[in-house]
Amino acid sequence: MKAEGNQAGQKQHSPSHDQEKRKHYRSLWFVMNEKTIIDKILPTIERKN
């Protein structure tokens, strides 16, 4: 296990930045793949109902 102080330092350093990046890339990816996602998801949802 890492020392508590080390973990705290790492947590302070990265999460907000990583989350922003992740959000950005996820939304980019989603916009690019929206049609594909809908085509894949809708049939499965309809099948379940």
N, C-alpha and C. Protein backbone atom coordinates (compact mmCIF):
# COMPACT_ATOMS: atom_id res chain seq x y z
N MET A 1 0.84 -1.21 0.00
CA MET A 1 0.00 0.00 0.00
C MET A 1 0.86 1.25 0.00
N LYS A 2 0.39 2.26 -0.66
CA LYS A 2 1.13 3.51 -0.68
C LYS A 2 0.86 4.27 0.60
N ALA A 3 1.76 5.20 0.90
CA ALA A 3 1.55 6.06 2.06
C ALA A 3 0.35 6.96 1.81
N GLU A 4 -0.37 7.25 2.87
CA GLU A 4 -1.59 8.05 2.75
C GLU A 4 -1.30 9.39 2.06
N GLY A 5 -0.22 10.04 2.48
CA GLY A 5 0.11 11.35 1.92
C GLY A 5 0.34 11.27 0.41
N ASN A 6 0.98 10.20 -0.01
CA ASN A 6 1.26 10.02 -1.43
C ASN A 6 -0.05 9.91 -2.21
N GLN A 7 -0.97 9.11 -1.70
CA GLN A 7 -2.26 8.94 -2.38
C GLN A 7 -2.99 10.27 -2.46
N ALA A 8 -3.01 10.99 -1.34
CA ALA A 8 -3.71 12.27 -1.32
C ALA A 8 -3.13 13.21 -2.37
N GLY A 9 -1.80 13.23 -2.46
CA GLY A 9 -1.15 14.09 -3.44
C GLY A 9 -1.55 13.72 -4.85
N GLN A 10 -1.59 12.43 -5.13
CA GLN A 10 -1.96 11.98 -6.47
C GLN A 10 -3.42 12.34 -6.76
N LYS A 11 -4.27 12.13 -5.77
CA LYS A 11 -5.69 12.43 -5.97
C LYS A 11 -5.88 13.92 -6.28
N GLN A 12 -5.19 14.77 -5.52
CA GLN A 12 -5.31 16.21 -5.76
C GLN A 12 -4.83 16.55 -7.16
N HIS A 13 -3.77 15.88 -7.59
CA HIS A 13 -3.13 16.25 -8.86
C HIS A 13 -4.03 15.94 -10.04
N SER A 14 -4.63 14.73 -10.09
CA SER A 14 -5.19 14.32 -11.37
C SER A 14 -6.71 14.34 -11.53
N PRO A 15 -7.51 13.96 -10.56
CA PRO A 15 -8.90 13.60 -10.92
C PRO A 15 -9.67 14.63 -11.73
N SER A 16 -9.67 15.89 -11.31
CA SER A 16 -10.50 16.86 -12.02
C SER A 16 -10.01 16.98 -13.46
N HIS A 17 -8.71 17.01 -13.64
CA HIS A 17 -8.15 17.13 -14.99
C HIS A 17 -8.53 15.91 -15.83
N ASP A 18 -8.35 14.72 -15.25
CA ASP A 18 -8.67 13.49 -15.98
C ASP A 18 -10.15 13.44 -16.31
N GLN A 19 -10.99 13.84 -15.35
CA GLN A 19 -12.42 13.80 -15.59
C GLN A 19 -12.80 14.72 -16.73
N GLU A 20 -12.23 15.93 -16.72
CA GLU A 20 -12.53 16.87 -17.80
C GLU A 20 -12.13 16.26 -19.14
N LYS A 21 -10.93 15.69 -19.18
CA LYS A 21 -10.45 15.07 -20.42
C LYS A 21 -11.39 13.96 -20.82
N ARG A 22 -11.74 13.11 -19.84
CA ARG A 22 -12.58 11.95 -20.14
C ARG A 22 -13.93 12.41 -20.67
N LYS A 23 -14.51 13.43 -20.00
CA LYS A 23 -15.80 13.96 -20.44
C LYS A 23 -15.69 14.45 -21.88
N HIS A 24 -14.62 15.19 -22.14
CA HIS A 24 -14.42 15.77 -23.46
C HIS A 24 -14.34 14.67 -24.51
N TYR A 25 -13.49 13.66 -24.25
CA TYR A 25 -13.32 12.61 -25.25
C TYR A 25 -14.57 11.77 -25.37
N ARG A 26 -15.25 11.55 -24.24
CA ARG A 26 -16.47 10.74 -24.30
C ARG A 26 -17.50 11.45 -25.16
N SER A 27 -17.66 12.77 -24.96
CA SER A 27 -18.67 13.49 -25.74
C SER A 27 -18.27 13.52 -27.21
N LEU A 28 -16.97 13.71 -27.49
CA LEU A 28 -16.50 13.68 -28.87
C LEU A 28 -16.83 12.34 -29.50
N TRP A 29 -16.45 11.27 -28.79
CA TRP A 29 -16.67 9.91 -29.29
C TRP A 29 -18.15 9.67 -29.49
N PHE A 30 -18.96 10.15 -28.54
CA PHE A 30 -20.39 9.91 -28.62
C PHE A 30 -20.97 10.62 -29.83
N VAL A 31 -20.55 11.86 -30.06
CA VAL A 31 -21.06 12.60 -31.22
C VAL A 31 -20.68 11.87 -32.50
N MET A 32 -19.43 11.40 -32.56
CA MET A 32 -18.97 10.72 -33.76
C MET A 32 -19.71 9.40 -33.97
N ASN A 33 -20.06 8.73 -32.87
CA ASN A 33 -20.62 7.38 -32.97
C ASN A 33 -22.11 7.34 -32.65
N GLU A 34 -22.72 8.51 -32.53
CA GLU A 34 -24.10 8.56 -32.07
C GLU A 34 -24.99 7.67 -32.92
N LYS A 35 -24.89 7.79 -34.23
CA LYS A 35 -25.76 7.01 -35.10
C LYS A 35 -25.51 5.52 -34.88
N THR A 36 -24.25 5.13 -34.83
CA THR A 36 -23.92 3.72 -34.62
C THR A 36 -24.46 3.25 -33.28
N ILE A 37 -24.28 4.06 -32.25
CA ILE A 37 -24.75 3.69 -30.92
C ILE A 37 -26.25 3.50 -30.94
N ILE A 38 -26.95 4.44 -31.55
CA ILE A 38 -28.41 4.34 -31.59
C ILE A 38 -28.82 3.09 -32.36
N ASP A 39 -28.18 2.84 -33.49
CA ASP A 39 -28.50 1.66 -34.28
C ASP A 39 -28.27 0.38 -33.48
N LYS A 40 -27.23 0.38 -32.63
CA LYS A 40 -26.94 -0.82 -31.84
C LYS A 40 -27.87 -0.93 -30.65
N ILE A 41 -28.13 0.20 -29.97
CA ILE A 41 -28.87 0.15 -28.71
C ILE A 41 -30.36 -0.03 -28.94
N LEU A 42 -30.92 0.71 -29.88
CA LEU A 42 -32.38 0.66 -30.07
C LEU A 42 -32.88 -0.76 -30.31
N PRO A 43 -32.28 -1.54 -31.20
CA PRO A 43 -32.78 -2.90 -31.41
C PRO A 43 -32.77 -3.73 -30.14
N THR A 44 -31.71 -3.58 -29.32
CA THR A 44 -31.64 -4.38 -28.09
C THR A 44 -32.72 -3.94 -27.12
N ILE A 45 -32.99 -2.64 -27.05
CA ILE A 45 -34.03 -2.14 -26.15
C ILE A 45 -35.39 -2.67 -26.62
N GLU A 46 -35.63 -2.60 -27.92
CA GLU A 46 -36.90 -3.07 -28.46
C GLU A 46 -37.06 -4.56 -28.21
N ARG A 47 -35.97 -5.30 -28.31
CA ARG A 47 -36.03 -6.74 -28.09
C ARG A 47 -36.41 -7.05 -26.65
N LYS A 48 -35.85 -6.25 -25.72
CA LYS A 48 -36.13 -6.50 -24.30
C LYS A 48 -37.59 -6.25 -23.97
N ASN A 49 -38.20 -5.24 -24.58
CA ASN A 49 -39.56 -4.86 -24.19
C ASN A 49 -40.60 -5.84 -24.69
